[in-house]
């Protein structure tokens, strides 16, 4: 990983975190679907990154969202869970030939169906933990499942739109 790619990743983190905090904080579709676009920065890190550094990055990214949302570590815990599950899930959805060295798990480098299979379960696991801690009880499981499912779909749709609009297509020589 060179300096240019690290600088690009840091800029991507800052941009997605700013969009989350400034634009998406109060956005909820029908009071059920919330968007957590900052998770895209965690999911689009190179496949070669190890689990522990990934969990540290996700923890601090979630903690920075917690500071603005005043949620006392809920996003940090859920983002850390997402980072923990990411590498296991990448091995599960690995293509038959494996991944290229230094590849990024995005729509541009893989495919749309692969990205949906890769990201939706991770978004759902994040949302389940976040909303379970938010409701902190066992009486509202249908509400937790409802919010988790629709928030995962909303986040996935926005993640696909962001990738298609703003991420450049890589040229293969």
C-alpha atoms as a PDB file:
ATOM      1  CA  UNK A   1       0.000   0.000   0.000  1.00  0.00           C
ATOM      2  CA  UNK A   2       1.564   3.278  -1.061  1.00  0.00           C
ATOM      3  CA  UNK A   3       1.171   6.802   0.266  1.00  0.00           C
ATOM      4  CA  UNK A   4      -1.315   7.778  -2.442  1.00  0.00           C
ATOM      5  CA  UNK A   5      -3.710   4.943  -1.621  1.00  0.00           C
ATOM      6  CA  UNK A   6      -3.483   5.632   2.130  1.00  0.00           C
ATOM      7  CA  UNK A   7      -4.219   9.312   1.493  1.00  0.00           C
ATOM      8  CA  UNK A   8      -7.207   8.305  -0.659  1.00  0.00           C
ATOM      9  CA  UNK A   9      -8.565   5.975   2.040  1.00  0.00           C
ATOM     10  CA  UNK A  10      -8.252   8.659   4.723  1.00  0.00           C
ATOM     11  CA  UNK A  11     -10.074  11.125   2.463  1.00  0.00           C
ATOM     12  CA  UNK A  12     -12.783   8.535   1.822  1.00  0.00           C
ATOM     13  CA  UNK A  13     -13.196   7.971   5.579  1.00  0.00           C
ATOM     14  CA  UNK A  14     -13.484  11.681   6.281  1.00  0.00           C
ATOM     15  CA  UNK A  15     -15.925  12.267   3.435  1.00  0.00           C
ATOM     16  CA  UNK A  16     -18.235   9.362   4.299  1.00  0.00           C
ATOM     17  CA  UNK A  17     -18.110  10.213   7.996  1.00  0.00           C
ATOM     18  CA  UNK A  18     -18.987  13.842   7.223  1.00  0.00           C
ATOM     19  CA  UNK A  19     -21.923  12.803   5.043  1.00  0.00           C
ATOM     20  CA  UNK A  20     -23.147  10.478   7.798  1.00  0.00           C
ATOM     21  CA  UNK A  21     -22.938  13.086  10.531  1.00  0.00           C
ATOM     22  CA  UNK A  22     -24.078  16.144   8.596  1.00  0.00           C
ATOM     23  CA  UNK A  23     -26.676  14.773   6.167  1.00  0.00           C
ATOM     24  CA  UNK A  24     -27.873  11.358   7.293  1.00  0.00           C
ATOM     25  CA  UNK A  25     -28.098  11.840  11.052  1.00  0.00           C
ATOM     26  CA  UNK A  26     -31.761  12.824  11.025  1.00  0.00           C
ATOM     27  CA  UNK A  27     -32.813  10.905   7.918  1.00  0.00           C
ATOM     28  CA  UNK A  28     -35.189   8.006   8.527  1.00  0.00           C
ATOM     29  CA  UNK A  29     -37.553   6.573   5.944  1.00  0.00           C
ATOM     30  CA  UNK A  30     -40.956   6.052   7.558  1.00  0.00           C
ATOM     31  CA  UNK A  31     -39.265   6.007  10.960  1.00  0.00           C
ATOM     32  CA  UNK A  32     -37.923   2.527  10.213  1.00  0.00           C
ATOM     33  CA  UNK A  33     -35.061   2.672   7.707  1.00  0.00           C
ATOM     34  CA  UNK A  34     -31.875   4.463   8.728  1.00  0.00           C
ATOM     35  CA  UNK A  35     -28.784   4.820   6.560  1.00  0.00           C
ATOM     36  CA  UNK A  36     -25.281   4.110   7.830  1.00  0.00           C
ATOM     37  CA  UNK A  37     -23.186   5.031   4.783  1.00  0.00           C
ATOM     38  CA  UNK A  38     -19.987   5.386   6.817  1.00  0.00           C
ATOM     39  CA  UNK A  39     -19.833   1.570   6.923  1.00  0.00           C
ATOM     40  CA  UNK A  40     -18.962   1.640   3.241  1.00  0.00           C
ATOM     41  CA  UNK A  41     -15.527   2.975   4.182  1.00  0.00           C
ATOM     42  CA  UNK A  42     -14.937  -0.131   6.314  1.00  0.00           C
ATOM     43  CA  UNK A  43     -16.262  -2.536   3.696  1.00  0.00           C
ATOM     44  CA  UNK A  44     -14.161  -1.034   0.889  1.00  0.00           C
ATOM     45  CA  UNK A  45     -10.817  -1.431   2.617  1.00  0.00           C
ATOM     46  CA  UNK A  46      -8.415  -3.750   0.763  1.00  0.00           C
ATOM     47  CA  UNK A  47      -9.083  -7.461   1.131  1.00  0.00           C
ATOM     48  CA  UNK A  48      -5.522  -8.044   2.359  1.00  0.00           C
ATOM     49  CA  UNK A  49      -5.983  -6.021   5.564  1.00  0.00           C
ATOM     50  CA  UNK A  50      -5.878  -8.173   8.700  1.00  0.00           C
ATOM     51  CA  UNK A  51      -8.723  -8.450  11.207  1.00  0.00           C
ATOM     52  CA  UNK A  52      -7.175  -6.654  14.207  1.00  0.00           C
ATOM     53  CA  UNK A  53      -6.152  -3.443  12.376  1.00  0.00           C
ATOM     54  CA  UNK A  54      -9.539  -3.495  10.651  1.00  0.00           C
ATOM     55  CA  UNK A  55     -11.319  -3.763  14.001  1.00  0.00           C
ATOM     56  CA  UNK A  56      -9.289  -0.855  15.404  1.00  0.00           C
ATOM     57  CA  UNK A  57     -10.151   1.315  12.394  1.00  0.00           C
ATOM     58  CA  UNK A  58     -13.828   0.370  12.651  1.00  0.00           C
ATOM     59  CA  UNK A  59     -13.887   1.030  16.395  1.00  0.00           C
ATOM     60  CA  UNK A  60     -12.543   4.551  16.015  1.00  0.00           C
ATOM     61  CA  UNK A  61     -14.817   5.268  13.074  1.00  0.00           C
ATOM     62  CA  UNK A  62     -17.834   4.072  15.078  1.00  0.00           C
ATOM     63  CA  UNK A  63     -16.649   6.041  18.094  1.00  0.00           C
ATOM     64  CA  UNK A  64     -16.462   9.214  16.034  1.00  0.00           C
ATOM     65  CA  UNK A  65     -20.065   8.646  14.900  1.00  0.00           C
ATOM     66  CA  UNK A  66     -21.031   8.015  18.529  1.00  0.00           C
ATOM     67  CA  UNK A  67     -19.608  11.393  19.515  1.00  0.00           C
ATOM     68  CA  UNK A  68     -21.929  13.178  17.097  1.00  0.00           C
ATOM     69  CA  UNK A  69     -24.941  10.911  17.651  1.00  0.00           C
ATOM     70  CA  UNK A  70     -24.496  10.827  21.466  1.00  0.00           C
ATOM     71  CA  UNK A  71     -25.040   7.065  21.507  1.00  0.00           C
ATOM     72  CA  UNK A  72     -22.405   6.044  24.073  1.00  0.00           C
ATOM     73  CA  UNK A  73     -20.466   3.429  22.117  1.00  0.00           C
ATOM     74  CA  UNK A  74     -23.302   1.715  20.262  1.00  0.00           C
ATOM     75  CA  UNK A  75     -21.894   2.491  16.802  1.00  0.00           C
ATOM     76  CA  UNK A  76     -18.372   1.629  17.957  1.00  0.00           C
ATOM     77  CA  UNK A  77     -19.491  -1.808  19.147  1.00  0.00           C
ATOM     78  CA  UNK A  78     -21.565  -2.533  16.055  1.00  0.00           C
ATOM     79  CA  UNK A  79     -18.862  -1.309  13.642  1.00  0.00           C
ATOM     80  CA  UNK A  80     -16.287  -3.453  15.460  1.00  0.00           C
ATOM     81  CA  UNK A  81     -18.568  -6.476  15.042  1.00  0.00           C
ATOM     82  CA  UNK A  82     -18.877  -5.697  11.330  1.00  0.00           C
ATOM     83  CA  UNK A  83     -15.081  -5.508  11.022  1.00  0.00           C
ATOM     84  CA  UNK A  84     -14.689  -8.782  12.932  1.00  0.00           C
ATOM     85  CA  UNK A  85     -17.116 -10.591  10.623  1.00  0.00           C
ATOM     86  CA  UNK A  86     -15.817  -9.019   7.390  1.00  0.00           C
ATOM     87  CA  UNK A  87     -12.762 -11.223   6.767  1.00  0.00           C
ATOM     88  CA  UNK A  88     -14.656 -14.414   7.641  1.00  0.00           C
ATOM     89  CA  UNK A  89     -17.427 -13.416   5.270  1.00  0.00           C
ATOM     90  CA  UNK A  90     -14.924 -12.527   2.523  1.00  0.00           C
ATOM     91  CA  UNK A  91     -13.573 -16.089   2.714  1.00  0.00           C
ATOM     92  CA  UNK A  92     -17.107 -17.437   2.490  1.00  0.00           C
ATOM     93  CA  UNK A  93     -18.082 -15.437  -0.610  1.00  0.00           C
ATOM     94  CA  UNK A  94     -14.709 -15.826  -2.305  1.00  0.00           C
ATOM     95  CA  UNK A  95     -14.867 -16.350  -6.077  1.00  0.00           C
ATOM     96  CA  UNK A  96     -13.613 -19.659  -7.446  1.00  0.00           C
ATOM     97  CA  UNK A  97     -10.247 -18.215  -8.497  1.00  0.00           C
ATOM     98  CA  UNK A  98      -9.800 -16.271  -5.271  1.00  0.00           C
ATOM     99  CA  UNK A  99      -9.129 -12.578  -4.990  1.00  0.00           C
ATOM    100  CA  UNK A 100      -6.452 -10.621  -6.823  1.00  0.00           C
ATOM    101  CA  UNK A 101      -3.572  -9.291  -4.762  1.00  0.00           C
ATOM    102  CA  UNK A 102      -4.485  -5.902  -3.268  1.00  0.00           C
ATOM    103  CA  UNK A 103      -8.025  -5.927  -4.631  1.00  0.00           C
ATOM    104  CA  UNK A 104     -10.820  -3.908  -3.078  1.00  0.00           C
ATOM    105  CA  UNK A 105     -14.242  -5.511  -2.483  1.00  0.00           C
ATOM    106  CA  UNK A 106     -16.288  -3.112  -4.565  1.00  0.00           C
ATOM    107  CA  UNK A 107     -18.803  -3.260  -7.387  1.00  0.00           C
ATOM    108  CA  UNK A 108     -16.163  -2.094  -9.872  1.00  0.00           C
ATOM    109  CA  UNK A 109     -13.664  -4.829  -9.003  1.00  0.00           C
ATOM    110  CA  UNK A 110     -16.139  -7.693  -8.512  1.00  0.00           C
ATOM    111  CA  UNK A 111     -19.780  -7.558  -9.626  1.00  0.00           C
ATOM    112  CA  UNK A 112     -23.095  -6.123  -8.446  1.00  0.00           C
ATOM    113  CA  UNK A 113     -24.461  -9.491  -7.278  1.00  0.00           C
ATOM    114  CA  UNK A 114     -21.214 -10.326  -5.485  1.00  0.00           C
ATOM    115  CA  UNK A 115     -21.241  -6.965  -3.694  1.00  0.00           C
ATOM    116  CA  UNK A 116     -24.852  -7.454  -2.563  1.00  0.00           C
ATOM    117  CA  UNK A 117     -24.008 -10.933  -1.264  1.00  0.00           C
ATOM    118  CA  UNK A 118     -20.950  -9.517   0.480  1.00  0.00           C
ATOM    119  CA  UNK A 119     -22.379  -6.376   2.049  1.00  0.00           C
ATOM    120  CA  UNK A 120     -26.022  -7.100   2.938  1.00  0.00           C
ATOM    121  CA  UNK A 121     -25.310  -9.711   5.673  1.00  0.00           C
ATOM    122  CA  UNK A 122     -22.659  -7.436   7.179  1.00  0.00           C
ATOM    123  CA  UNK A 123     -25.023  -4.449   7.162  1.00  0.00           C
ATOM    124  CA  UNK A 124     -27.698  -6.662   8.734  1.00  0.00           C
ATOM    125  CA  UNK A 125     -25.360  -7.901  11.504  1.00  0.00           C
ATOM    126  CA  UNK A 126     -24.355  -4.297  12.233  1.00  0.00           C
ATOM    127  CA  UNK A 127     -27.993  -3.180  12.365  1.00  0.00           C
ATOM    128  CA  UNK A 128     -29.075  -6.108  14.538  1.00  0.00           C
ATOM    129  CA  UNK A 129     -26.476  -5.309  17.180  1.00  0.00           C
ATOM    130  CA  UNK A 130     -27.101  -1.568  16.999  1.00  0.00           C
ATOM    131  CA  UNK A 131     -30.885  -1.805  17.349  1.00  0.00           C
ATOM    132  CA  UNK A 132     -30.722  -4.622  19.916  1.00  0.00           C
ATOM    133  CA  UNK A 133     -28.585  -2.436  22.147  1.00  0.00           C
ATOM    134  CA  UNK A 134     -30.819   0.544  21.378  1.00  0.00           C
ATOM    135  CA  UNK A 135     -33.976  -1.228  22.546  1.00  0.00           C
ATOM    136  CA  UNK A 136     -32.111  -3.159  25.287  1.00  0.00           C
ATOM    137  CA  UNK A 137     -34.735  -5.741  25.987  1.00  0.00           C
ATOM    138  CA  UNK A 138     -36.407  -8.807  24.594  1.00  0.00           C
ATOM    139  CA  UNK A 139     -39.912  -7.448  24.129  1.00  0.00           C
ATOM    140  CA  UNK A 140     -39.285  -5.628  20.849  1.00  0.00           C
ATOM    141  CA  UNK A 141     -37.629  -8.293  18.674  1.00  0.00           C
ATOM    142  CA  UNK A 142     -40.024  -7.738  15.793  1.00  0.00           C
ATOM    143  CA  UNK A 143     -39.251  -4.025  15.882  1.00  0.00           C
ATOM    144  CA  UNK A 144     -35.509  -4.774  15.988  1.00  0.00           C
ATOM    145  CA  UNK A 145     -35.797  -7.153  13.021  1.00  0.00           C
ATOM    146  CA  UNK A 146     -37.960  -4.674  11.121  1.00  0.00           C
ATOM    147  CA  UNK A 147     -35.553  -1.759  11.619  1.00  0.00           C
ATOM    148  CA  UNK A 148     -32.510  -3.944  10.945  1.00  0.00           C
ATOM    149  CA  UNK A 149     -33.877  -5.349   7.701  1.00  0.00           C
ATOM    150  CA  UNK A 150     -35.051  -2.056   6.232  1.00  0.00           C
ATOM    151  CA  UNK A 151     -31.993  -0.131   7.426  1.00  0.00           C
ATOM    152  CA  UNK A 152     -29.766  -2.750   5.791  1.00  0.00           C
ATOM    153  CA  UNK A 153     -31.648  -2.433   2.512  1.00  0.00           C
ATOM    154  CA  UNK A 154     -31.546   1.377   2.638  1.00  0.00           C
ATOM    155  CA  UNK A 155     -27.819   1.379   3.427  1.00  0.00           C
ATOM    156  CA  UNK A 156     -27.137  -1.141   0.660  1.00  0.00           C
ATOM    157  CA  UNK A 157     -29.032   0.880  -1.943  1.00  0.00           C
ATOM    158  CA  UNK A 158     -27.211   4.069  -0.988  1.00  0.00           C
ATOM    159  CA  UNK A 159     -23.848   2.238  -0.957  1.00  0.00           C
ATOM    160  CA  UNK A 160     -24.476   0.971  -4.487  1.00  0.00           C
ATOM    161  CA  UNK A 161     -25.492   4.433  -5.693  1.00  0.00           C
ATOM    162  CA  UNK A 162     -22.403   6.032  -4.128  1.00  0.00           C
ATOM    163  CA  UNK A 163     -20.105   3.488  -5.757  1.00  0.00           C
ATOM    164  CA  UNK A 164     -21.683   3.809  -9.178  1.00  0.00           C
ATOM    165  CA  UNK A 165     -21.682   7.606  -9.134  1.00  0.00           C
ATOM    166  CA  UNK A 166     -18.471   8.562  -7.370  1.00  0.00           C
ATOM    167  CA  UNK A 167     -15.970   5.735  -7.631  1.00  0.00           C
ATOM    168  CA  UNK A 168     -13.982   5.712 -10.871  1.00  0.00           C
ATOM    169  CA  UNK A 169     -13.802   2.629 -13.032  1.00  0.00           C
ATOM    170  CA  UNK A 170     -10.318   1.130 -12.912  1.00  0.00           C
ATOM    171  CA  UNK A 171      -8.579   0.601 -16.203  1.00  0.00           C
ATOM    172  CA  UNK A 172      -7.194  -2.854 -16.818  1.00  0.00           C
ATOM    173  CA  UNK A 173      -4.153  -3.051 -19.087  1.00  0.00           C
END
